Amino acid sequence: MKGIGDIFKQAQDLQERLQRVQEEAATRTVDASSGGGMVKATVNGKLEIVRLQIEPSVLQSGDVEMLQDLIIAAVNQAVRAAQQQMAEEMSKLTGGLTLPGLG
């Protein structure tokens, strides 16, 4: 029975470390841009947009579709970067072991 107790203890330790990594990641931010820097998006580890910057010249052009495309591109790039960052942190913690719901 000692083996099972050790497994449960290791699982509990891993769960606590995973929670700490997720909490730390939530405080980090990732920046991305599109249109040569005309639109910049910042996303946190919770995949929330925390900042969106738009160059005034883009607004002056009046091209709404272009602006929408630039915003989508910058946000999607930032989200992918934040997801990659989280995946790398999780991989370090789990030694490359893929855990359901965490990757």
PDB file of N, CA and C in Angstrom:
ATOM      1  N   MET A   1       0.824  -1.213   0.000  1.00  0.00           N
ATOM      2  CA  MET A   1       0.000   0.000   0.000  1.00  0.00           C
ATOM      3  C   MET A   1       0.855   1.258   0.000  1.00  0.00           C
ATOM      4  N   LYS A   2       2.093   1.138   0.428  1.00  0.00           N
ATOM      5  CA  LYS A   2       2.935   2.320   0.443  1.00  0.00           C
ATOM      6  C   LYS A   2       3.106   2.883  -0.961  1.00  0.00           C
ATOM      7  N   GLY A   3       3.189   2.040  -1.973  1.00  0.00           N
ATOM      8  CA  GLY A   3       3.351   2.484  -3.351  1.00  0.00           C
ATOM      9  C   GLY A   3       2.200   3.346  -3.814  1.00  0.00           C
ATOM     10  N   ILE A   4       0.993   2.951  -3.475  1.00  0.00           N
ATOM     11  CA  ILE A   4      -0.182   3.738  -3.865  1.00  0.00           C
ATOM     12  C   ILE A   4      -0.182   5.079  -3.150  1.00  0.00           C
ATOM     13  N   GLY A   5       0.187   5.101  -1.912  1.00  0.00           N
ATOM     14  CA  GLY A   5       0.271   6.349  -1.156  1.00  0.00           C
ATOM     15  C   GLY A   5       1.286   7.294  -1.768  1.00  0.00           C
ATOM     16  N   ASP A   6       2.415   6.727  -2.203  1.00  0.00           N
ATOM     17  CA  ASP A   6       3.442   7.548  -2.854  1.00  0.00           C
ATOM     18  C   ASP A   6       2.922   8.139  -4.166  1.00  0.00           C
ATOM     19  N   ILE A   7       2.181   7.336  -4.922  1.00  0.00           N
ATOM     20  CA  ILE A   7       1.627   7.812  -6.190  1.00  0.00           C
ATOM     21  C   ILE A   7       0.652   8.958  -5.944  1.00  0.00           C
ATOM     22  N   PHE A   8      -0.210   8.810  -4.944  1.00  0.00           N
ATOM     23  CA  PHE A   8      -1.159   9.881  -4.620  1.00  0.00           C
ATOM     24  C   PHE A   8      -0.436  11.142  -4.171  1.00  0.00           C
ATOM     25  N   LYS A   9       0.619  10.976  -3.396  1.00  0.00           N
ATOM     26  CA  LYS A   9       1.395  12.123  -2.921  1.00  0.00           C
ATOM     27  C   LYS A   9       2.061  12.833  -4.101  1.00  0.00           C
ATOM     28  N   GLN A  10       2.624  12.051  -5.024  1.00  0.00           N
ATOM     29  CA  GLN A  10       3.263  12.642  -6.199  1.00  0.00           C
ATOM     30  C   GLN A  10       2.227  13.371  -7.061  1.00  0.00           C
ATOM     31  N   ALA A  11       1.056  12.779  -7.213  1.00  0.00           N
ATOM     32  CA  ALA A  11      -0.011  13.412  -7.997  1.00  0.00           C
ATOM     33  C   ALA A  11      -0.441  14.717  -7.345  1.00  0.00           C
ATOM     34  N   GLN A  12      -0.552  14.725  -6.041  1.00  0.00           N
ATOM     35  CA  GLN A  12      -0.947  15.941  -5.327  1.00  0.00           C
ATOM     36  C   GLN A  12       0.139  17.015  -5.474  1.00  0.00           C
ATOM     37  N   ASP A  13       1.396  16.614  -5.364  1.00  0.00           N
ATOM     38  CA  ASP A  13       2.497  17.566  -5.537  1.00  0.00           C
ATOM     39  C   ASP A  13       2.491  18.162  -6.945  1.00  0.00           C
ATOM     40  N   LEU A  14       2.278  17.304  -7.941  1.00  0.00           N
ATOM     41  CA  LEU A  14       2.236  17.764  -9.326  1.00  0.00           C
ATOM     42  C   LEU A  14       1.078  18.732  -9.534  1.00  0.00           C
ATOM     43  N   GLN A  15      -0.068  18.418  -8.968  1.00  0.00           N
ATOM     44  CA  GLN A  15      -1.229  19.290  -9.098  1.00  0.00           C
ATOM     45  C   GLN A  15      -0.942  20.659  -8.485  1.00  0.00           C
ATOM     46  N   GLU A  16      -0.279  20.696  -7.338  1.00  0.00           N
ATOM     47  CA  GLU A  16       0.052  21.964  -6.690  1.00  0.00           C
ATOM     48  C   GLU A  16       1.041  22.761  -7.538  1.00  0.00           C
ATOM     49  N   ARG A  17       2.030  22.075  -8.115  1.00  0.00           N
ATOM     50  CA  ARG A  17       3.003  22.766  -8.971  1.00  0.00           C
ATOM     51  C   ARG A  17       2.338  23.292 -10.241  1.00  0.00           C
ATOM     52  N   LEU A  18       1.436  22.511 -10.819  1.00  0.00           N
ATOM     53  CA  LEU A  18       0.702  22.954 -12.007  1.00  0.00           C
ATOM     54  C   LEU A  18      -0.110  24.206 -11.706  1.00  0.00           C
ATOM     55  N   GLN A  19      -0.746  24.220 -10.564  1.00  0.00           N
ATOM     56  CA  GLN A  19      -1.550  25.379 -10.178  1.00  0.00           C
ATOM     57  C   GLN A  19      -0.663  26.616 -10.038  1.00  0.00           C
ATOM     58  N   ARG A  20       0.524  26.447  -9.432  1.00  0.00           N
ATOM     59  CA  ARG A  20       1.445  27.580  -9.283  1.00  0.00           C
ATOM     60  C   ARG A  20       1.896  28.100 -10.649  1.00  0.00           C
ATOM     61  N   VAL A  21       2.210  27.179 -11.559  1.00  0.00           N
ATOM     62  CA  VAL A  21       2.643  27.583 -12.897  1.00  0.00           C
ATOM     63  C   VAL A  21       1.528  28.344 -13.602  1.00  0.00           C
ATOM     64  N   GLN A  22       0.293  27.866 -13.493  1.00  0.00           N
ATOM     65  CA  GLN A  22      -0.837  28.545 -14.123  1.00  0.00           C
ATOM     66  C   GLN A  22      -1.044  29.934 -13.532  1.00  0.00           C
ATOM     67  N   GLU A  23      -0.912  30.051 -12.218  1.00  0.00           N
ATOM     68  CA  GLU A  23      -1.075  31.349 -11.573  1.00  0.00           C
ATOM     69  C   GLU A  23       0.025  32.317 -12.011  1.00  0.00           C
ATOM     70  N   GLU A  24       1.266  31.819 -12.093  1.00  0.00           N
ATOM     71  CA  GLU A  24       2.376  32.660 -12.540  1.00  0.00           C
ATOM     72  C   GLU A  24       2.187  33.073 -14.000  1.00  0.00           C
ATOM     73  N   ALA A  25       1.769  32.132 -14.828  1.00  0.00           N
ATOM     74  CA  ALA A  25       1.569  32.415 -16.252  1.00  0.00           C
ATOM     75  C   ALA A  25       0.484  33.461 -16.457  1.00  0.00           C
ATOM     76  N   ALA A  26      -0.510  33.455 -15.602  1.00  0.00           N
ATOM     77  CA  ALA A  26      -1.611  34.415 -15.728  1.00  0.00           C
ATOM     78  C   ALA A  26      -1.122  35.848 -15.548  1.00  0.00           C
ATOM     79  N   THR A  27      -0.021  36.034 -14.845  1.00  0.00           N
ATOM     80  CA  THR A  27       0.498  37.380 -14.612  1.00  0.00           C
ATOM     81  C   THR A  27       1.425  37.850 -15.725  1.00  0.00           C
ATOM     82  N   ARG A  28       1.861  36.937 -16.584  1.00  0.00           N
ATOM     83  CA  ARG A  28       2.755  37.290 -17.689  1.00  0.00           C
ATOM     84  C   ARG A  28       1.935  37.784 -18.880  1.00  0.00           C
ATOM     85  N   THR A  29       2.590  38.586 -19.706  1.00  0.00           N
ATOM     86  CA  THR A  29       1.926  39.057 -20.914  1.00  0.00           C
ATOM     87  C   THR A  29       2.794  38.773 -22.131  1.00  0.00           C
ATOM     88  N   VAL A  30       2.136  38.697 -23.273  1.00  0.00           N
ATOM     89  CA  VAL A  30       2.797  38.479 -24.553  1.00  0.00           C
ATOM     90  C   VAL A  30       2.299  39.545 -25.511  1.00  0.00           C
ATOM     91  N   ASP A  31       3.221  40.148 -26.262  1.00  0.00           N
ATOM     92  CA  ASP A  31       2.865  41.175 -27.228  1.00  0.00           C
ATOM     93  C   ASP A  31       2.981  40.616 -28.642  1.00  0.00           C
ATOM     94  N   ALA A  32       2.119  41.085 -29.513  1.00  0.00           N
ATOM     95  CA  ALA A  32       2.184  40.744 -30.934  1.00  0.00           C
ATOM     96  C   ALA A  32       1.668  41.934 -31.715  1.00  0.00           C
ATOM     97  N   SER A  33       2.066  41.986 -32.987  1.00  0.00           N
ATOM     98  CA  SER A  33       1.620  43.104 -33.817  1.00  0.00           C
ATOM     99  C   SER A  33       1.307  42.622 -35.222  1.00  0.00           C
ATOM    100  N   SER A  34       0.630  43.484 -35.964  1.00  0.00           N
ATOM    101  CA  SER A  34       0.328  43.205 -37.360  1.00  0.00           C
ATOM    102  C   SER A  34       0.420  44.506 -38.138  1.00  0.00           C
ATOM    103  N   GLY A  35       0.484  44.373 -39.453  1.00  0.00           N
ATOM    104  CA  GLY A  35       0.555  45.571 -40.285  1.00  0.00           C
ATOM    105  C   GLY A  35       1.806  46.383 -40.037  1.00  0.00           C
ATOM    106  N   GLY A  36       2.916  45.697 -39.793  1.00  0.00           N
ATOM    107  CA  GLY A  36       4.162  46.424 -39.544  1.00  0.00           C
ATOM    108  C   GLY A  36       4.129  47.243 -38.271  1.00  0.00           C
ATOM    109  N   GLY A  37       3.369  46.778 -37.291  1.00  0.00           N
ATOM    110  CA  GLY A  37       3.289  47.474 -36.012  1.00  0.00           C
ATOM    111  C   GLY A  37       2.149  48.475 -35.916  1.00  0.00           C
ATOM    112  N   MET A  38       1.299  48.522 -36.938  1.00  0.00           N
ATOM    113  CA  MET A  38       0.180  49.469 -36.897  1.00  0.00           C
ATOM    114  C   MET A  38      -0.847  49.081 -35.836  1.00  0.00           C
ATOM    115  N   VAL A  39      -0.973  47.776 -35.567  1.00  0.00           N
ATOM    116  CA  VAL A  39      -1.863  47.294 -34.512  1.00  0.00           C
ATOM    117  C   VAL A  39      -1.049  46.379 -33.615  1.00  0.00           C
ATOM    118  N   LYS A  40      -1.129  46.624 -32.320  1.00  0.00           N
ATOM    119  CA  LYS A  40      -0.404  45.817 -31.338  1.00  0.00           C
ATOM    120  C   LYS A  40      -1.392  45.293 -30.301  1.00  0.00           C
ATOM    121  N   ALA A  41      -1.254  44.016 -29.975  1.00  0.00           N
ATOM    122  CA  ALA A  41      -2.129  43.395 -28.975  1.00  0.00           C
ATOM    123  C   ALA A  41      -1.269  42.781 -27.880  1.00  0.00           C
ATOM    124  N   THR A  42      -1.741  42.888 -26.657  1.00  0.00           N
ATOM    125  CA  THR A  42      -1.091  42.266 -25.507  1.00  0.00           C
ATOM    126  C   THR A  42      -2.100  41.338 -24.857  1.00  0.00           C
ATOM    127  N   VAL A  43      -1.678  40.085 -24.650  1.00  0.00           N
ATOM    128  CA  VAL A  43      -2.531  39.050 -24.081  1.00  0.00           C
ATOM    129  C   VAL A  43      -1.835  38.498 -22.841  1.00  0.00           C
ATOM    130  N   ASN A  44      -2.613  38.216 -21.788  1.00  0.00           N
ATOM    131  CA  ASN A  44      -2.015  37.620 -20.593  1.00  0.00           C
ATOM    132  C   ASN A  44      -2.114  36.097 -20.647  1.00  0.00           C
ATOM    133  N   GLY A  45      -1.590  35.444 -19.633  1.00  0.00           N
ATOM    134  CA  GLY A  45      -1.576  33.987 -19.575  1.00  0.00           C
ATOM    135  C   GLY A  45      -2.946  33.356 -19.452  1.00  0.00           C
ATOM    136  N   LYS A  46      -3.950  34.146 -19.148  1.00  0.00           N
ATOM    137  CA  LYS A  46      -5.329  33.649 -19.113  1.00  0.00           C
ATOM    138  C   LYS A  46      -5.986  33.793 -20.478  1.00  0.00           C
ATOM    139  N   LEU A  47      -5.185  34.218 -21.469  1.00  0.00           N
ATOM    140  CA  LEU A  47      -5.646  34.457 -22.838  1.00  0.00           C
ATOM    141  C   LEU A  47      -6.663  35.583 -22.921  1.00  0.00           C
ATOM    142  N   GLU A  48      -6.469  36.577 -22.068  1.00  0.00           N
ATOM    143  CA  GLU A  48      -7.305  37.769 -22.076  1.00  0.00           C
ATOM    144  C   GLU A  48      -6.530  38.907 -22.737  1.00  0.00           C
ATOM    145  N   ILE A  49      -7.209  39.682 -23.564  1.00  0.00           N
ATOM    146  CA  ILE A  49      -6.582  40.855 -24.161  1.00  0.00           C
ATOM    147  C   ILE A  49      -6.506  41.918 -23.073  1.00  0.00           C
ATOM    148  N   VAL A  50      -5.295  42.374 -22.774  1.00  0.00           N
ATOM    149  CA  VAL A  50      -5.133  43.384 -21.729  1.00  0.00           C
ATOM    150  C   VAL A  50      -4.773  44.754 -22.296  1.00  0.00           C
ATOM    151  N   ARG A  51      -4.356  44.776 -23.590  1.00  0.00           N
ATOM    152  CA  ARG A  51      -4.050  46.064 -24.208  1.00  0.00           C
ATOM    153  C   ARG A  51      -4.158  45.909 -25.723  1.00  0.00           C
ATOM    154  N   LEU A  52      -4.693  46.941 -26.361  1.00  0.00           N
ATOM    155  CA  LEU A  52      -4.787  46.974 -27.814  1.00  0.00           C
ATOM    156  C   LEU A  52      -4.412  48.382 -28.254  1.00  0.00           C
ATOM    157  N   GLN A  53      -3.378  48.486 -29.076  1.00  0.00           N
ATOM    158  CA  GLN A  53      -2.926  49.789 -29.550  1.00  0.00           C
ATOM    159  C   GLN A  53      -3.111  49.855 -31.067  1.00  0.00           C
ATOM    160  N   ILE A  54      -3.661  50.973 -31.538  1.00  0.00           N
ATOM    161  CA  ILE A  54      -3.890  51.174 -32.965  1.00  0.00           C
ATOM    162  C   ILE A  54      -3.260  52.504 -33.354  1.00  0.00           C
ATOM    163  N   GLU A  55      -2.402  52.451 -34.371  1.00  0.00           N
ATOM    164  CA  GLU A  55      -1.777  53.675 -34.870  1.00  0.00           C
ATOM    165  C   GLU A  55      -2.864  54.587 -35.452  1.00  0.00           C
ATOM    166  N   PRO A  56      -2.862  55.848 -35.105  1.00  0.00           N
ATOM    167  CA  PRO A  56      -3.874  56.781 -35.606  1.00  0.00           C
ATOM    168  C   PRO A  56      -3.974  56.806 -37.136  1.00  0.00           C
ATOM    169  N   SER A  57      -2.870  56.586 -37.817  1.00  0.00           N
ATOM    170  CA  SER A  57      -2.893  56.640 -39.287  1.00  0.00           C
ATOM    171  C   SER A  57      -3.806  55.567 -39.874  1.00  0.00           C
ATOM    172  N   VAL A  58      -3.951  54.431 -39.169  1.00  0.00           N
ATOM    173  CA  VAL A  58      -4.839  53.372 -39.648  1.00  0.00           C
ATOM    174  C   VAL A  58      -6.286  53.857 -39.587  1.00  0.00           C
ATOM    175  N   LEU A  59      -6.615  54.594 -38.562  1.00  0.00           N
ATOM    176  CA  LEU A  59      -7.977  55.118 -38.421  1.00  0.00           C
ATOM    177  C   LEU A  59      -8.281  56.176 -39.476  1.00  0.00           C
ATOM    178  N   GLN A  60      -7.274  56.946 -39.803  1.00  0.00           N
ATOM    179  CA  GLN A  60      -7.463  58.020 -40.780  1.00  0.00           C
ATOM    180  C   GLN A  60      -7.720  57.487 -42.186  1.00  0.00           C
ATOM    181  N   SER A  61      -7.258  56.281 -42.454  1.00  0.00           N
ATOM    182  CA  SER A  61      -7.442  55.729 -43.799  1.00  0.00           C
ATOM    183  C   SER A  61      -8.910  55.436 -44.085  1.00  0.00           C
ATOM    184  N   GLY A  62      -9.688  55.180 -43.030  1.00  0.00           N
ATOM    185  CA  GLY A  62     -11.104  54.889 -43.201  1.00  0.00           C
ATOM    186  C   GLY A  62     -11.390  53.479 -43.685  1.00  0.00           C
ATOM    187  N   ASP A  63     -10.367  52.655 -43.814  1.00  0.00           N
ATOM    188  CA  ASP A  63     -10.542  51.283 -44.300  1.00  0.00           C
ATOM    189  C   ASP A  63     -10.873  50.373 -43.109  1.00  0.00           C
ATOM    190  N   VAL A  64     -12.152  50.239 -42.831  1.00  0.00           N
ATOM    191  CA  VAL A  64     -12.615  49.482 -41.667  1.00  0.00           C
ATOM    192  C   VAL A  64     -12.246  48.008 -41.788  1.00  0.00           C
ATOM    193  N   GLU A  65     -12.402  47.436 -42.962  1.00  0.00           N
ATOM    194  CA  GLU A  65     -12.085  46.016 -43.147  1.00  0.00           C
ATOM    195  C   GLU A  65     -10.614  45.735 -42.884  1.00  0.00           C
ATOM    196  N   MET A  66      -9.740  46.614 -43.346  1.00  0.00           N
ATOM    197  CA  MET A  66      -8.309  46.433 -43.093  1.00  0.00           C
ATOM    198  C   MET A  66      -8.030  46.496 -41.592  1.00  0.00           C
ATOM    199  N   LEU A  67      -8.633  47.452 -40.916  1.00  0.00           N
ATOM    200  CA  LEU A  67      -8.433  47.586 -39.473  1.00  0.00           C
ATOM    201  C   LEU A  67      -8.912  46.336 -38.750  1.00  0.00           C
ATOM    202  N   GLN A  68     -10.060  45.832 -39.123  1.00  0.00           N
ATOM    203  CA  GLN A  68     -10.574  44.612 -38.503  1.00  0.00           C
ATOM    204  C   GLN A  68      -9.607  43.447 -38.719  1.00  0.00           C
ATOM    205  N   ASP A  69      -9.107  43.315 -39.950  1.00  0.00           N
ATOM    206  CA  ASP A  69      -8.154  42.238 -40.250  1.00  0.00           C
ATOM    207  C   ASP A  69      -6.873  42.372 -39.442  1.00  0.00           C
ATOM    208  N   LEU A  70      -6.382  43.594 -39.293  1.00  0.00           N
ATOM    209  CA  LEU A  70      -5.157  43.823 -38.518  1.00  0.00           C
ATOM    210  C   LEU A  70      -5.358  43.493 -37.045  1.00  0.00           C
ATOM    211  N   ILE A  71      -6.512  43.869 -36.507  1.00  0.00           N
ATOM    212  CA  ILE A  71      -6.808  43.566 -35.095  1.00  0.00           C
ATOM    213  C   ILE A  71      -6.890  42.054 -34.894  1.00  0.00           C
ATOM    214  N   ILE A  72      -7.619  41.390 -35.767  1.00  0.00           N
ATOM    215  CA  ILE A  72      -7.748  39.928 -35.650  1.00  0.00           C
ATOM    216  C   ILE A  72      -6.376  39.263 -35.740  1.00  0.00           C
ATOM    217  N   ALA A  73      -5.560  39.687 -36.690  1.00  0.00           N
ATOM    218  CA  ALA A  73      -4.241  39.084 -36.859  1.00  0.00           C
ATOM    219  C   ALA A  73      -3.361  39.290 -35.629  1.00  0.00           C
ATOM    220  N   ALA A  74      -3.346  40.499 -35.085  1.00  0.00           N
ATOM    221  CA  ALA A  74      -2.510  40.781 -33.913  1.00  0.00           C
ATOM    222  C   ALA A  74      -2.983  40.000 -32.693  1.00  0.00           C
ATOM    223  N   VAL A  75      -4.292  39.965 -32.476  1.00  0.00           N
ATOM    224  CA  VAL A  75      -4.833  39.243 -31.315  1.00  0.00           C
ATOM    225  C   VAL A  75      -4.561  37.744 -31.450  1.00  0.00           C
ATOM    226  N   ASN A  76      -4.813  37.183 -32.621  1.00  0.00           N
ATOM    227  CA  ASN A  76      -4.578  35.751 -32.807  1.00  0.00           C
ATOM    228  C   ASN A  76      -3.113  35.392 -32.617  1.00  0.00           C
ATOM    229  N   GLN A  77      -2.218  36.230 -33.113  1.00  0.00           N
ATOM    230  CA  GLN A  77      -0.793  35.978 -32.937  1.00  0.00           C
ATOM    231  C   GLN A  77      -0.415  36.028 -31.454  1.00  0.00           C
ATOM    232  N   ALA A  78      -0.949  36.978 -30.723  1.00  0.00           N
ATOM    233  CA  ALA A  78      -0.658  37.096 -29.296  1.00  0.00           C
ATOM    234  C   ALA A  78      -1.219  35.906 -28.527  1.00  0.00           C
ATOM    235  N   VAL A  79      -2.414  35.466 -28.876  1.00  0.00           N
ATOM    236  CA  VAL A  79      -3.016  34.301 -28.201  1.00  0.00           C
ATOM    237  C   VAL A  79      -2.162  33.059 -28.452  1.00  0.00           C
ATOM    238  N   ARG A  80      -1.744  32.857 -29.708  1.00  0.00           N
ATOM    239  CA  ARG A  80      -0.898  31.692 -30.016  1.00  0.00           C
ATOM    240  C   ARG A  80       0.413  31.744 -29.233  1.00  0.00           C
ATOM    241  N   ALA A  81       1.005  32.926 -29.127  1.00  0.00           N
ATOM    242  CA  ALA A  81       2.255  33.073 -28.384  1.00  0.00           C
ATOM    243  C   ALA A  81       2.051  32.773 -26.904  1.00  0.00           C
ATOM    244  N   ALA A  82       0.944  33.236 -26.339  1.00  0.00           N
ATOM    245  CA  ALA A  82       0.646  32.971 -24.925  1.00  0.00           C
ATOM    246  C   ALA A  82       0.407  31.478 -24.703  1.00  0.00           C
ATOM    247  N   GLN A  83      -0.300  30.834 -25.625  1.00  0.00           N
ATOM    248  CA  GLN A  83      -0.529  29.391 -25.513  1.00  0.00           C
ATOM    249  C   GLN A  83       0.780  28.627 -25.600  1.00  0.00           C
ATOM    250  N   GLN A  84       1.662  29.044 -26.496  1.00  0.00           N
ATOM    251  CA  GLN A  84       2.967  28.389 -26.638  1.00  0.00           C
ATOM    252  C   GLN A  84       3.786  28.548 -25.365  1.00  0.00           C
ATOM    253  N   GLN A  85       3.754  29.742 -24.808  1.00  0.00           N
ATOM    254  CA  GLN A  85       4.485  30.002 -23.570  1.00  0.00           C
ATOM    255  C   GLN A  85       3.981  29.087 -22.452  1.00  0.00           C
ATOM    256  N   MET A  86       2.664  28.950 -22.331  1.00  0.00           N
ATOM    257  CA  MET A  86       2.083  28.091 -21.304  1.00  0.00           C
ATOM    258  C   MET A  86       2.449  26.630 -21.560  1.00  0.00           C
ATOM    259  N   ALA A  87       2.397  26.200 -22.806  1.00  0.00           N
ATOM    260  CA  ALA A  87       2.744  24.821 -23.141  1.00  0.00           C
ATOM    261  C   ALA A  87       4.199  24.521 -22.780  1.00  0.00           C
ATOM    262  N   GLU A  88       5.092  25.468 -23.025  1.00  0.00           N
ATOM    263  CA  GLU A  88       6.501  25.284 -22.678  1.00  0.00           C
ATOM    264  C   GLU A  88       6.685  25.170 -21.170  1.00  0.00           C
ATOM    265  N   GLU A  89       5.986  26.006 -20.425  1.00  0.00           N
ATOM    266  CA  GLU A  89       6.080  25.945 -18.963  1.00  0.00           C
ATOM    267  C   GLU A  89       5.557  24.606 -18.438  1.00  0.00           C
ATOM    268  N   MET A  90       4.439  24.164 -18.984  1.00  0.00           N
ATOM    269  CA  MET A  90       3.857  22.886 -18.560  1.00  0.00           C
ATOM    270  C   MET A  90       4.777  21.732 -18.923  1.00  0.00           C
ATOM    271  N   SER A  91       5.396  21.805 -20.090  1.00  0.00           N
ATOM    272  CA  SER A  91       6.297  20.747 -20.527  1.00  0.00           C
ATOM    273  C   SER A  91       7.497  20.639 -19.593  1.00  0.00           C
ATOM    274  N   LYS A  92       8.014  21.781 -19.152  1.00  0.00           N
ATOM    275  CA  LYS A  92       9.128  21.766 -18.192  1.00  0.00           C
ATOM    276  C   LYS A  92       8.708  21.069 -16.899  1.00  0.00           C
ATOM    277  N   LEU A  93       7.505  21.360 -16.466  1.00  0.00           N
ATOM    278  CA  LEU A  93       7.007  20.820 -15.200  1.00  0.00           C
ATOM    279  C   LEU A  93       6.717  19.329 -15.282  1.00  0.00           C
ATOM    280  N   THR A  94       6.144  18.901 -16.404  1.00  0.00           N
ATOM    281  CA  THR A  94       5.733  17.501 -16.526  1.00  0.00           C
ATOM    282  C   THR A  94       6.771  16.630 -17.228  1.00  0.00           C
ATOM    283  N   GLY A  95       7.895  17.237 -17.600  1.00  0.00           N
ATOM    284  CA  GLY A  95       8.928  16.472 -18.281  1.00  0.00           C
ATOM    285  C   GLY A  95       8.495  16.004 -19.648  1.00  0.00           C
ATOM    286  N   GLY A  96       7.644  16.756 -20.310  1.00  0.00           N
ATOM    287  CA  GLY A  96       7.187  16.415 -21.649  1.00  0.00           C
ATOM    288  C   GLY A  96       5.952  15.541 -21.662  1.00  0.00           C
ATOM    289  N   LEU A  97       5.491  15.098 -20.513  1.00  0.00           N
ATOM    290  CA  LEU A  97       4.285  14.284 -20.425  1.00  0.00           C
ATOM    291  C   LEU A  97       3.068  15.141 -20.745  1.00  0.00           C
ATOM    292  N   THR A  98       2.264  14.699 -21.692  1.00  0.00           N
ATOM    293  CA  THR A  98       1.059  15.444 -22.063  1.00  0.00           C
ATOM    294  C   THR A  98      -0.082  15.049 -21.136  1.00  0.00           C
ATOM    295  N   LEU A  99      -0.651  16.045 -20.471  1.00  0.00           N
ATOM    296  CA  LEU A  99      -1.753  15.797 -19.560  1.00  0.00           C
ATOM    297  C   LEU A  99      -3.030  16.348 -20.170  1.00  0.00           C
ATOM    298  N   PRO A 100      -4.119  15.581 -20.141  1.00  0.00           N
ATOM    299  CA  PRO A 100      -5.377  16.051 -20.727  1.00  0.00           C
ATOM    300  C   PRO A 100      -5.823  17.368 -20.128  1.00  0.00           C
ATOM    301  N   GLY A 101      -6.250  18.274 -21.001  1.00  0.00           N
ATOM    302  CA  GLY A 101      -6.774  19.552 -20.535  1.00  0.00           C
ATOM    303  C   GLY A 101      -5.730  20.593 -20.218  1.00  0.00           C
ATOM    304  N   LEU A 102      -4.437  20.257 -20.363  1.00  0.00           N
ATOM    305  CA  LEU A 102      -3.391  21.215 -20.016  1.00  0.00           C
ATOM    306  C   LEU A 102      -2.561  21.621 -21.215  1.00  0.00           C
ATOM    307  N   GLY A 103      -2.785  21.031 -22.344  1.00  0.00           N
ATOM    308  CA  GLY A 103      -1.941  21.357 -23.499  1.00  0.00           C
ATOM    309  C   GLY A 103      -2.727  21.894 -24.557  1.00  0.00           C
TER     310      GLY A 103
END
